[in-house]
Amino acid sequence: MAPATGPIVAGFFVPVKGWRWSLWENYWLSAPVFLLLLFCLPETSSDNILLRHAARLRKVTGNASIRSQSEITQQHMSAKEMAFEALVKPWEMNILEPAVLLTTLYASLCYAIFYTFFEAFPLVFPALYNFSSGESGLAFLFIPIGVELTIPVCLAHYAYYVEPGLLKSGTPEPEVWLKPGLIGNFLVPIGLFIFALSSVHWIGPLIVAVCQSGSYIVLNILFTFIPNIYPKYAASLFAANDAARSTLTGAAILFGPPLFVNLGVGGGVSFLAGLALLCSVGFYALYYFGGNLRKRSRFAVA
């Protein structure tokens, strides 16, 4: 939601205050959020929680032999082995684990398509519909509106499908989390194709922008799917996934303008729609073949 709401402020302030002003909104929003996370976000790693608990027990009892399981495991590891486990293992899993590799590629392409699509807004609405800079920024509001509409879908899937299964038969297959994405992953290419072919009233492309909410559905469930399979490496895999997404997205911002200049807005957005459609095929492969991939995995626990 944040990437879609940022242009709203910038669209009104940049023409008056200059482009540097748009950077200040990042500080206004990120600084309090950083402080909130720093002081209020609880620890979720079981290994770290037990490590701190063991340290408190040693301090209270004076018994230096109290150790958590992670301390016992790491006392036989060299610094090189610990560095490998923390820094290299996530990338090794991204290469050797098809489920992780597919998830990383899919998430990276979703982000790249999402941000490249943003480059089309300043080309479409000011030129075709005579929007001002501020009005073009307001056009981005339709994307978070679409995201808000999908939140009840994700909550309903958990409340009426996943949770009853948990209560009835215990831990379900991880692929259960992917089911909303079987429909949601098609929203993005459908919306992009319609946006590319739209030449009517300005409300048409904006309504189609709501379809970008499919990215939220897919990414949300993928980030639930991964820790269910690899709980021990979840944090490291998220870090590697984030690095891959950020790298490809940074490149997408650079090749976005040449893409639309050379292919036109319609051709460029259609190209993005084709990429999104290919991603949809990969998502279905993950859903239907995920179980077999996990059986051959050296790291999966589910």
C-alpha atoms as a PDB file:
ATOM      1  CA  MET A   1       0.000   0.000   0.000  1.00  0.00           C
ATOM      2  CA  ALA A   2       2.827   2.415   0.803  1.00  0.00           C
ATOM      3  CA  PRO A   3       4.258   2.474  -2.761  1.00  0.00           C
ATOM      4  CA  ALA A   4       0.815   3.376  -4.082  1.00  0.00           C
ATOM      5  CA  THR A   5       0.085   6.118  -1.538  1.00  0.00           C
ATOM      6  CA  GLY A   6       3.486   7.839  -1.792  1.00  0.00           C
ATOM      7  CA  PRO A   7       2.778   9.520  -5.165  1.00  0.00           C
ATOM      8  CA  ILE A   8      -0.337  11.147  -3.707  1.00  0.00           C
ATOM      9  CA  VAL A   9       1.699  13.431  -1.438  1.00  0.00           C
ATOM     10  CA  ALA A  10       4.511  13.870  -3.961  1.00  0.00           C
ATOM     11  CA  GLY A  11       2.086  14.774  -6.745  1.00  0.00           C
ATOM     12  CA  PHE A  12       0.974  17.893  -4.895  1.00  0.00           C
ATOM     13  CA  PHE A  13       4.185  18.943  -3.141  1.00  0.00           C
ATOM     14  CA  VAL A  14       6.876  18.317  -5.774  1.00  0.00           C
ATOM     15  CA  PRO A  15       5.596  20.914  -8.304  1.00  0.00           C
ATOM     16  CA  VAL A  16       5.648  23.532  -5.526  1.00  0.00           C
ATOM     17  CA  LYS A  17       8.546  22.503  -3.263  1.00  0.00           C
ATOM     18  CA  GLY A  18      10.791  20.587  -5.680  1.00  0.00           C
ATOM     19  CA  TRP A  19      11.715  16.903  -6.006  1.00  0.00           C
ATOM     20  CA  ARG A  20      13.715  16.824  -2.753  1.00  0.00           C
ATOM     21  CA  TRP A  21      10.488  17.360  -0.838  1.00  0.00           C
ATOM     22  CA  SER A  22       9.268  13.910  -1.881  1.00  0.00           C
ATOM     23  CA  LEU A  23      12.108  12.350   0.118  1.00  0.00           C
ATOM     24  CA  TRP A  24      10.937  13.975   3.327  1.00  0.00           C
ATOM     25  CA  GLU A  25       7.693  12.031   3.314  1.00  0.00           C
ATOM     26  CA  ASN A  26       9.791   8.865   3.574  1.00  0.00           C
ATOM     27  CA  TYR A  27      11.363  10.184   6.770  1.00  0.00           C
ATOM     28  CA  TRP A  28       8.030  11.313   8.207  1.00  0.00           C
ATOM     29  CA  LEU A  29       6.550   7.846   7.817  1.00  0.00           C
ATOM     30  CA  SER A  30       9.538   5.538   8.257  1.00  0.00           C
ATOM     31  CA  ALA A  31      11.056   7.137  11.385  1.00  0.00           C
ATOM     32  CA  PRO A  32       8.076   6.557  13.732  1.00  0.00           C
ATOM     33  CA  VAL A  33       7.487   3.098  12.261  1.00  0.00           C
ATOM     34  CA  PHE A  34      11.149   2.213  12.853  1.00  0.00           C
ATOM     35  CA  LEU A  35      10.908   3.313  16.491  1.00  0.00           C
ATOM     36  CA  LEU A  36       7.667   1.381  16.923  1.00  0.00           C
ATOM     37  CA  LEU A  37       9.235  -1.806  15.551  1.00  0.00           C
ATOM     38  CA  LEU A  38      12.450  -1.304  17.513  1.00  0.00           C
ATOM     39  CA  PHE A  39      10.757  -1.029  20.898  1.00  0.00           C
ATOM     40  CA  CYS A  40       7.428  -2.833  20.489  1.00  0.00           C
ATOM     41  CA  LEU A  41       7.925  -5.746  18.076  1.00  0.00           C
ATOM     42  CA  PRO A  42       8.253  -8.964  20.124  1.00  0.00           C
ATOM     43  CA  GLU A  43      10.833 -11.631  19.391  1.00  0.00           C
ATOM     44  CA  THR A  44       9.347 -14.535  17.411  1.00  0.00           C
ATOM     45  CA  SER A  45      12.357 -16.823  16.926  1.00  0.00           C
ATOM     46  CA  SER A  46      12.028 -19.777  19.304  1.00  0.00           C
ATOM     47  CA  ASP A  47      15.810 -20.267  19.323  1.00  0.00           C
ATOM     48  CA  ASN A  48      16.385 -16.650  20.324  1.00  0.00           C
ATOM     49  CA  ILE A  49      13.659 -16.735  22.975  1.00  0.00           C
ATOM     50  CA  LEU A  50      15.203 -19.843  24.558  1.00  0.00           C
ATOM     51  CA  LEU A  51      18.672 -18.288  24.300  1.00  0.00           C
ATOM     52  CA  ARG A  52      17.541 -15.246  26.283  1.00  0.00           C
ATOM     53  CA  HIS A  53      15.668 -17.424  28.763  1.00  0.00           C
ATOM     54  CA  ALA A  54      18.784 -19.510  29.396  1.00  0.00           C
ATOM     55  CA  ALA A  55      20.834 -16.343  29.915  1.00  0.00           C
ATOM     56  CA  ARG A  56      18.341 -15.096  32.509  1.00  0.00           C
ATOM     57  CA  LEU A  57      18.389 -18.443  34.319  1.00  0.00           C
ATOM     58  CA  ARG A  58      22.192 -18.413  34.446  1.00  0.00           C
ATOM     59  CA  LYS A  59      22.106 -14.933  35.917  1.00  0.00           C
ATOM     60  CA  VAL A  60      19.451 -15.780  38.522  1.00  0.00           C
ATOM     61  CA  THR A  61      20.754 -19.207  39.581  1.00  0.00           C
ATOM     62  CA  GLY A  62      24.456 -18.701  39.038  1.00  0.00           C
ATOM     63  CA  ASN A  63      24.517 -22.052  37.229  1.00  0.00           C
ATOM     64  CA  ALA A  64      26.813 -21.547  34.238  1.00  0.00           C
ATOM     65  CA  SER A  65      25.942 -24.969  32.804  1.00  0.00           C
ATOM     66  CA  ILE A  66      22.435 -23.903  31.741  1.00  0.00           C
ATOM     67  CA  ARG A  67      22.429 -23.700  27.953  1.00  0.00           C
ATOM     68  CA  SER A  68      19.783 -23.449  25.262  1.00  0.00           C
ATOM     69  CA  GLN A  69      19.755 -25.945  22.400  1.00  0.00           C
ATOM     70  CA  SER A  70      21.090 -23.360  19.954  1.00  0.00           C
ATOM     71  CA  GLU A  71      24.056 -22.666  22.255  1.00  0.00           C
ATOM     72  CA  ILE A  72      24.763 -26.378  22.550  1.00  0.00           C
ATOM     73  CA  THR A  73      24.638 -26.749  18.774  1.00  0.00           C
ATOM     74  CA  GLN A  74      26.776 -23.708  18.027  1.00  0.00           C
ATOM     75  CA  GLN A  75      29.472 -24.446  20.575  1.00  0.00           C
ATOM     76  CA  HIS A  76      30.770 -27.130  18.211  1.00  0.00           C
ATOM     77  CA  MET A  77      30.642 -24.820  15.188  1.00  0.00           C
ATOM     78  CA  SER A  78      33.459 -22.613  13.987  1.00  0.00           C
ATOM     79  CA  ALA A  79      32.960 -18.946  13.107  1.00  0.00           C
ATOM     80  CA  LYS A  80      33.222 -19.910   9.437  1.00  0.00           C
ATOM     81  CA  GLU A  81      30.449 -22.498   9.791  1.00  0.00           C
ATOM     82  CA  MET A  82      28.161 -20.048  11.590  1.00  0.00           C
ATOM     83  CA  ALA A  83      28.789 -17.392   8.936  1.00  0.00           C
ATOM     84  CA  PHE A  84      28.004 -19.953   6.220  1.00  0.00           C
ATOM     85  CA  GLU A  85      24.780 -20.923   7.992  1.00  0.00           C
ATOM     86  CA  ALA A  86      23.647 -17.304   8.283  1.00  0.00           C
ATOM     87  CA  LEU A  87      24.856 -15.792   4.991  1.00  0.00           C
ATOM     88  CA  VAL A  88      25.284 -18.570   2.425  1.00  0.00           C
ATOM     89  CA  LYS A  89      22.614 -21.104   3.386  1.00  0.00           C
ATOM     90  CA  PRO A  90      19.646 -18.929   2.258  1.00  0.00           C
ATOM     91  CA  TRP A  91      21.152 -18.499  -1.220  1.00  0.00           C
ATOM     92  CA  GLU A  92      22.071 -22.191  -1.363  1.00  0.00           C
ATOM     93  CA  MET A  93      18.438 -23.052  -0.649  1.00  0.00           C
ATOM     94  CA  ASN A  94      17.265 -20.576  -3.287  1.00  0.00           C
ATOM     95  CA  ILE A  95      19.371 -22.427  -5.842  1.00  0.00           C
ATOM     96  CA  LEU A  96      18.821 -26.031  -4.743  1.00  0.00           C
ATOM     97  CA  GLU A  97      15.214 -25.907  -3.517  1.00  0.00           C
ATOM     98  CA  PRO A  98      12.760 -25.605  -6.445  1.00  0.00           C
ATOM     99  CA  ALA A  99       9.924 -24.420  -4.174  1.00  0.00           C
ATOM    100  CA  VAL A 100      12.076 -21.639  -2.703  1.00  0.00           C
ATOM    101  CA  LEU A 101      13.513 -20.677  -6.086  1.00  0.00           C
ATOM    102  CA  LEU A 102      10.060 -20.488  -7.644  1.00  0.00           C
ATOM    103  CA  THR A 103       8.758 -18.428  -4.732  1.00  0.00           C
ATOM    104  CA  THR A 104      11.669 -15.982  -4.943  1.00  0.00           C
ATOM    105  CA  LEU A 105      11.351 -15.606  -8.716  1.00  0.00           C
ATOM    106  CA  TYR A 106       7.593 -15.158  -8.527  1.00  0.00           C
ATOM    107  CA  ALA A 107       7.754 -12.569  -5.737  1.00  0.00           C
ATOM    108  CA  SER A 108      10.553 -10.685  -7.511  1.00  0.00           C
ATOM    109  CA  LEU A 109       8.672 -10.587 -10.806  1.00  0.00           C
ATOM    110  CA  CYS A 110       5.467  -9.495  -9.042  1.00  0.00           C
ATOM    111  CA  TYR A 111       7.273  -6.557  -7.479  1.00  0.00           C
ATOM    112  CA  ALA A 112       9.069  -5.675 -10.718  1.00  0.00           C
ATOM    113  CA  ILE A 113       5.803  -5.747 -12.698  1.00  0.00           C
ATOM    114  CA  PHE A 114       4.075  -3.739  -9.972  1.00  0.00           C
ATOM    115  CA  TYR A 115       6.663  -0.956  -9.984  1.00  0.00           C
ATOM    116  CA  THR A 116       7.103  -0.925 -13.759  1.00  0.00           C
ATOM    117  CA  PHE A 117       3.333  -0.529 -14.080  1.00  0.00           C
ATOM    118  CA  PHE A 118       3.653   2.600 -11.933  1.00  0.00           C
ATOM    119  CA  GLU A 119       5.742   4.156 -14.699  1.00  0.00           C
ATOM    120  CA  ALA A 120       2.704   4.010 -17.001  1.00  0.00           C
ATOM    121  CA  PHE A 121       0.558   6.273 -14.816  1.00  0.00           C
ATOM    122  CA  PRO A 122       2.442   9.542 -15.531  1.00  0.00           C
ATOM    123  CA  LEU A 123       2.343   8.687 -19.244  1.00  0.00           C
ATOM    124  CA  VAL A 124      -1.356   7.837 -19.423  1.00  0.00           C
ATOM    125  CA  PHE A 125      -3.287  10.229 -17.211  1.00  0.00           C
ATOM    126  CA  PRO A 126      -1.592  13.594 -17.932  1.00  0.00           C
ATOM    127  CA  ALA A 127      -1.271  12.934 -21.688  1.00  0.00           C
ATOM    128  CA  LEU A 128      -4.581  11.209 -22.448  1.00  0.00           C
ATOM    129  CA  TYR A 129      -6.872  12.577 -19.749  1.00  0.00           C
ATOM    130  CA  ASN A 130      -5.210  15.950 -18.967  1.00  0.00           C
ATOM    131  CA  PHE A 131      -4.649  15.131 -15.299  1.00  0.00           C
ATOM    132  CA  SER A 132      -2.456  17.488 -13.284  1.00  0.00           C
ATOM    133  CA  SER A 133       0.510  16.177 -11.304  1.00  0.00           C
ATOM    134  CA  GLY A 134      -1.585  16.045  -8.139  1.00  0.00           C
ATOM    135  CA  GLU A 135      -4.509  14.351  -9.875  1.00  0.00           C
ATOM    136  CA  SER A 136      -2.149  11.760 -11.364  1.00  0.00           C
ATOM    137  CA  GLY A 137      -0.944  11.038  -7.830  1.00  0.00           C
ATOM    138  CA  LEU A 138      -4.533  10.553  -6.688  1.00  0.00           C
ATOM    139  CA  ALA A 139      -4.960   7.940  -9.427  1.00  0.00           C
ATOM    140  CA  PHE A 140      -2.698   5.641  -7.399  1.00  0.00           C
ATOM    141  CA  LEU A 141      -5.380   5.529  -4.683  1.00  0.00           C
ATOM    142  CA  PHE A 142      -7.230   2.842  -6.615  1.00  0.00           C
ATOM    143  CA  ILE A 143      -4.427   0.344  -5.948  1.00  0.00           C
ATOM    144  CA  PRO A 144      -4.643   0.433  -2.107  1.00  0.00           C
ATOM    145  CA  ILE A 145      -8.434   0.385  -2.460  1.00  0.00           C
ATOM    146  CA  GLY A 146      -8.068  -2.915  -4.299  1.00  0.00           C
ATOM    147  CA  VAL A 147      -5.717  -4.203  -1.597  1.00  0.00           C
ATOM    148  CA  GLU A 148      -8.247  -3.326   1.111  1.00  0.00           C
ATOM    149  CA  LEU A 149     -10.903  -5.297  -0.759  1.00  0.00           C
ATOM    150  CA  THR A 150      -8.748  -8.438  -0.736  1.00  0.00           C
ATOM    151  CA  ILE A 151      -8.032  -8.426   3.009  1.00  0.00           C
ATOM    152  CA  PRO A 152     -11.475  -9.924   3.856  1.00  0.00           C
ATOM    153  CA  VAL A 153     -10.810 -12.649   1.274  1.00  0.00           C
ATOM    154  CA  CYS A 154      -7.572 -13.691   2.996  1.00  0.00           C
ATOM    155  CA  LEU A 155      -9.177 -13.523   6.452  1.00  0.00           C
ATOM    156  CA  ALA A 156     -12.196 -15.538   5.313  1.00  0.00           C
ATOM    157  CA  HIS A 157      -9.928 -18.194   3.791  1.00  0.00           C
ATOM    158  CA  TYR A 158      -8.190 -18.632   7.123  1.00  0.00           C
ATOM    159  CA  ALA A 159     -11.323 -18.450   9.298  1.00  0.00           C
ATOM    160  CA  TYR A 160     -13.573 -20.730   7.242  1.00  0.00           C
ATOM    161  CA  TYR A 161     -11.101 -23.075   5.585  1.00  0.00           C
ATOM    162  CA  VAL A 162      -7.661 -23.238   7.210  1.00  0.00           C
ATOM    163  CA  GLU A 163      -8.624 -22.963  10.885  1.00  0.00           C
ATOM    164  CA  PRO A 164     -11.392 -25.629  10.762  1.00  0.00           C
ATOM    165  CA  GLY A 165      -8.887 -27.947   9.084  1.00  0.00           C
ATOM    166  CA  LEU A 166      -6.354 -27.277  11.837  1.00  0.00           C
ATOM    167  CA  LEU A 167      -8.897 -28.066  14.540  1.00  0.00           C
ATOM    168  CA  LYS A 168     -10.099 -31.197  12.778  1.00  0.00           C
ATOM    169  CA  SER A 169      -6.927 -32.913  11.598  1.00  0.00           C
ATOM    170  CA  GLY A 170      -3.958 -30.921  12.867  1.00  0.00           C
ATOM    171  CA  THR A 171      -1.363 -29.283  10.655  1.00  0.00           C
ATOM    172  CA  PRO A 172      -2.612 -29.152   7.037  1.00  0.00           C
ATOM    173  CA  GLU A 173      -0.537 -29.469   3.912  1.00  0.00           C
ATOM    174  CA  PRO A 174       1.329 -26.184   3.299  1.00  0.00           C
ATOM    175  CA  GLU A 175      -0.248 -25.922  -0.159  1.00  0.00           C
ATOM    176  CA  VAL A 176      -3.563 -25.161   1.573  1.00  0.00           C
ATOM    177  CA  TRP A 177      -2.278 -21.619   2.074  1.00  0.00           C
ATOM    178  CA  LEU A 178      -1.874 -21.172  -1.682  1.00  0.00           C
ATOM    179  CA  LYS A 179      -5.521 -21.689  -2.639  1.00  0.00           C
ATOM    180  CA  PRO A 180      -6.634 -18.014  -2.693  1.00  0.00           C
ATOM    181  CA  GLY A 181      -3.768 -17.317  -5.070  1.00  0.00           C
ATOM    182  CA  LEU A 182      -5.145 -19.750  -7.652  1.00  0.00           C
ATOM    183  CA  ILE A 183      -7.664 -17.039  -8.492  1.00  0.00           C
ATOM    184  CA  GLY A 184      -5.826 -13.966  -7.246  1.00  0.00           C
ATOM    185  CA  ASN A 185      -2.767 -14.505  -9.424  1.00  0.00           C
ATOM    186  CA  PHE A 186      -4.925 -14.064 -12.553  1.00  0.00           C
ATOM    187  CA  LEU A 187      -6.200 -10.650 -11.451  1.00  0.00           C
ATOM    188  CA  VAL A 188      -2.882  -9.007 -12.304  1.00  0.00           C
ATOM    189  CA  PRO A 189      -2.542 -10.121 -15.970  1.00  0.00           C
ATOM    190  CA  ILE A 190      -6.268  -9.565 -16.593  1.00  0.00           C
ATOM    191  CA  GLY A 191      -6.087  -6.051 -15.176  1.00  0.00           C
ATOM    192  CA  LEU A 192      -2.920  -5.229 -17.109  1.00  0.00           C
ATOM    193  CA  PHE A 193      -4.346  -6.439 -20.426  1.00  0.00           C
ATOM    194  CA  ILE A 194      -7.512  -4.368 -19.966  1.00  0.00           C
ATOM    195  CA  PHE A 195      -5.471  -1.327 -18.893  1.00  0.00           C
ATOM    196  CA  ALA A 196      -3.311  -1.680 -22.019  1.00  0.00           C
ATOM    197  CA  LEU A 197      -6.345  -1.823 -24.309  1.00  0.00           C
ATOM    198  CA  SER A 198      -8.426   0.818 -22.532  1.00  0.00           C
ATOM    199  CA  SER A 199      -9.136   4.044 -24.436  1.00  0.00           C
ATOM    200  CA  VAL A 200     -12.403   5.161 -22.865  1.00  0.00           C
ATOM    201  CA  HIS A 201     -13.267   7.305 -19.838  1.00  0.00           C
ATOM    202  CA  TRP A 202     -10.468   7.773 -17.306  1.00  0.00           C
ATOM    203  CA  ILE A 203     -12.353   5.741 -14.710  1.00  0.00           C
ATOM    204  CA  GLY A 204     -11.778   2.603 -16.826  1.00  0.00           C
ATOM    205  CA  PRO A 205      -8.009   2.323 -16.310  1.00  0.00           C
ATOM    206  CA  LEU A 206      -8.421   3.269 -12.649  1.00  0.00           C
ATOM    207  CA  ILE A 207     -10.939   0.510 -11.969  1.00  0.00           C
ATOM    208  CA  VAL A 208      -8.609  -1.920 -13.711  1.00  0.00           C
ATOM    209  CA  ALA A 209      -5.786  -0.758 -11.410  1.00  0.00           C
ATOM    210  CA  VAL A 210      -7.752  -2.364  -8.572  1.00  0.00           C
ATOM    211  CA  CYS A 211      -6.794  -5.712 -10.119  1.00  0.00           C
ATOM    212  CA  GLN A 212      -3.252  -5.126  -8.886  1.00  0.00           C
ATOM    213  CA  SER A 213      -4.650  -6.333  -5.565  1.00  0.00           C
ATOM    214  CA  GLY A 214      -3.954  -9.811  -6.914  1.00  0.00           C
ATOM    215  CA  SER A 215      -0.293  -9.152  -6.125  1.00  0.00           C
ATOM    216  CA  TYR A 216      -1.204  -8.618  -2.476  1.00  0.00           C
ATOM    217  CA  ILE A 217      -3.096 -11.918  -2.299  1.00  0.00           C
ATOM    218  CA  VAL A 218      -0.266 -13.889  -3.869  1.00  0.00           C
ATOM    219  CA  LEU A 219       2.589 -12.306  -1.923  1.00  0.00           C
ATOM    220  CA  ASN A 220       0.694 -12.547   1.362  1.00  0.00           C
ATOM    221  CA  ILE A 221       0.092 -16.271   1.025  1.00  0.00           C
ATOM    222  CA  LEU A 222       3.592 -16.979  -0.297  1.00  0.00           C
ATOM    223  CA  PHE A 223       5.050 -15.361   2.812  1.00  0.00           C
ATOM    224  CA  THR A 224       2.864 -17.696   4.873  1.00  0.00           C
ATOM    225  CA  PHE A 225       3.711 -20.741   2.761  1.00  0.00           C
ATOM    226  CA  ILE A 226       7.505 -20.497   3.156  1.00  0.00           C
ATOM    227  CA  PRO A 227       7.753 -20.530   6.991  1.00  0.00           C
ATOM    228  CA  ASN A 228       5.387 -23.496   7.102  1.00  0.00           C
ATOM    229  CA  ILE A 229       7.892 -25.533   5.081  1.00  0.00           C
ATOM    230  CA  TYR A 230      11.206 -24.138   6.325  1.00  0.00           C
ATOM    231  CA  PRO A 231      10.554 -22.753   9.843  1.00  0.00           C
ATOM    232  CA  LYS A 232      14.222 -22.983  10.844  1.00  0.00           C
ATOM    233  CA  TYR A 233      15.388 -20.894   7.878  1.00  0.00           C
ATOM    234  CA  ALA A 234      12.325 -18.642   7.510  1.00  0.00           C
ATOM    235  CA  ALA A 235      14.017 -15.388   8.549  1.00  0.00           C
ATOM    236  CA  SER A 236      17.040 -15.997   6.317  1.00  0.00           C
ATOM    237  CA  LEU A 237      14.845 -16.953   3.371  1.00  0.00           C
ATOM    238  CA  PHE A 238      12.772 -13.810   3.815  1.00  0.00           C
ATOM    239  CA  ALA A 239      15.978 -11.756   3.811  1.00  0.00           C
ATOM    240  CA  ALA A 240      17.195 -13.423   0.606  1.00  0.00           C
ATOM    241  CA  ASN A 241      13.761 -13.006  -0.958  1.00  0.00           C
ATOM    242  CA  ASP A 242      13.723  -9.331  -0.025  1.00  0.00           C
ATOM    243  CA  ALA A 243      17.202  -8.802  -1.494  1.00  0.00           C
ATOM    244  CA  ALA A 244      16.144 -10.454  -4.768  1.00  0.00           C
ATOM    245  CA  ARG A 245      12.894  -8.463  -4.925  1.00  0.00           C
ATOM    246  CA  SER A 246      14.622  -5.168  -4.215  1.00  0.00           C
ATOM    247  CA  THR A 247      17.345  -5.818  -6.795  1.00  0.00           C
ATOM    248  CA  LEU A 248      14.948  -6.689  -9.611  1.00  0.00           C
ATOM    249  CA  THR A 249      12.566  -3.885  -8.657  1.00  0.00           C
ATOM    250  CA  GLY A 250      15.405  -1.349  -8.694  1.00  0.00           C
ATOM    251  CA  ALA A 251      16.278  -2.502 -12.198  1.00  0.00           C
ATOM    252  CA  ALA A 252      12.613  -2.395 -13.244  1.00  0.00           C
ATOM    253  CA  ILE A 253      12.400   1.303 -12.418  1.00  0.00           C
ATOM    254  CA  LEU A 254      15.294   1.891 -14.831  1.00  0.00           C
ATOM    255  CA  PHE A 255      14.018  -0.168 -17.771  1.00  0.00           C
ATOM    256  CA  GLY A 256      10.386   0.933 -17.319  1.00  0.00           C
ATOM    257  CA  PRO A 257      10.609   4.282 -19.180  1.00  0.00           C
ATOM    258  CA  PRO A 258      12.514   2.840 -22.209  1.00  0.00           C
ATOM    259  CA  LEU A 259       9.986  -0.011 -22.325  1.00  0.00           C
ATOM    260  CA  PHE A 260       7.046   2.372 -22.694  1.00  0.00           C
ATOM    261  CA  VAL A 261       8.909   4.745 -25.009  1.00  0.00           C
ATOM    262  CA  ASN A 262       9.810   1.961 -27.460  1.00  0.00           C
ATOM    263  CA  LEU A 263       6.656  -0.174 -27.245  1.00  0.00           C
ATOM    264  CA  GLY A 264       4.154   2.506 -26.307  1.00  0.00           C
ATOM    265  CA  VAL A 265       1.995   2.374 -23.206  1.00  0.00           C
ATOM    266  CA  GLY A 266      -0.306  -0.283 -24.657  1.00  0.00           C
ATOM    267  CA  GLY A 267       2.534  -2.491 -25.866  1.00  0.00           C
ATOM    268  CA  GLY A 268       4.578  -2.035 -22.690  1.00  0.00           C
ATOM    269  CA  VAL A 269       1.711  -2.850 -20.344  1.00  0.00           C
ATOM    270  CA  SER A 270       0.761  -5.836 -22.555  1.00  0.00           C
ATOM    271  CA  PHE A 271       4.333  -7.087 -22.206  1.00  0.00           C
ATOM    272  CA  LEU A 272       4.010  -6.843 -18.418  1.00  0.00           C
ATOM    273  CA  ALA A 273       0.689  -8.693 -18.629  1.00  0.00           C
ATOM    274  CA  GLY A 274       2.397 -11.506 -20.541  1.00  0.00           C
ATOM    275  CA  LEU A 275       5.068 -11.779 -17.848  1.00  0.00           C
ATOM    276  CA  ALA A 276       2.371 -11.850 -15.169  1.00  0.00           C
ATOM    277  CA  LEU A 277       0.591 -14.639 -17.059  1.00  0.00           C
ATOM    278  CA  LEU A 278       3.794 -16.703 -17.114  1.00  0.00           C
ATOM    279  CA  CYS A 279       4.097 -16.141 -13.368  1.00  0.00           C
ATOM    280  CA  SER A 280       0.582 -17.545 -12.966  1.00  0.00           C
ATOM    281  CA  VAL A 281       1.673 -20.800 -14.593  1.00  0.00           C
ATOM    282  CA  GLY A 282       4.546 -21.047 -12.115  1.00  0.00           C
ATOM    283  CA  PHE A 283       2.175 -20.491  -9.204  1.00  0.00           C
ATOM    284  CA  TYR A 284      -0.044 -23.375 -10.335  1.00  0.00           C
ATOM    285  CA  ALA A 285       3.053 -25.574 -10.653  1.00  0.00           C
ATOM    286  CA  LEU A 286       3.978 -24.731  -7.061  1.00  0.00           C
ATOM    287  CA  TYR A 287       0.481 -25.634  -5.873  1.00  0.00           C
ATOM    288  CA  TYR A 288       0.149 -28.948  -7.705  1.00  0.00           C
ATOM    289  CA  PHE A 289       3.738 -30.200  -7.440  1.00  0.00           C
ATOM    290  CA  GLY A 290       4.735 -28.642  -4.116  1.00  0.00           C
ATOM    291  CA  GLY A 291       4.162 -31.887  -2.211  1.00  0.00           C
ATOM    292  CA  ASN A 292       6.522 -33.879  -4.441  1.00  0.00           C
ATOM    293  CA  LEU A 293       9.131 -31.140  -4.256  1.00  0.00           C
ATOM    294  CA  ARG A 294       8.997 -31.184  -0.463  1.00  0.00           C
ATOM    295  CA  LYS A 295       9.480 -34.945  -0.351  1.00  0.00           C
ATOM    296  CA  ARG A 296      12.783 -34.575  -2.183  1.00  0.00           C
ATOM    297  CA  SER A 297      13.895 -31.592  -0.113  1.00  0.00           C
ATOM    298  CA  ARG A 298      16.887 -31.726   2.236  1.00  0.00           C
ATOM    299  CA  PHE A 299      15.591 -28.799   4.280  1.00  0.00           C
ATOM    300  CA  ALA A 300      11.782 -28.969   4.396  1.00  0.00           C
ATOM    301  CA  VAL A 301      10.096 -30.172   7.579  1.00  0.00           C
ATOM    302  CA  ALA A 302       6.552 -30.357   6.179  1.00  0.00           C
END
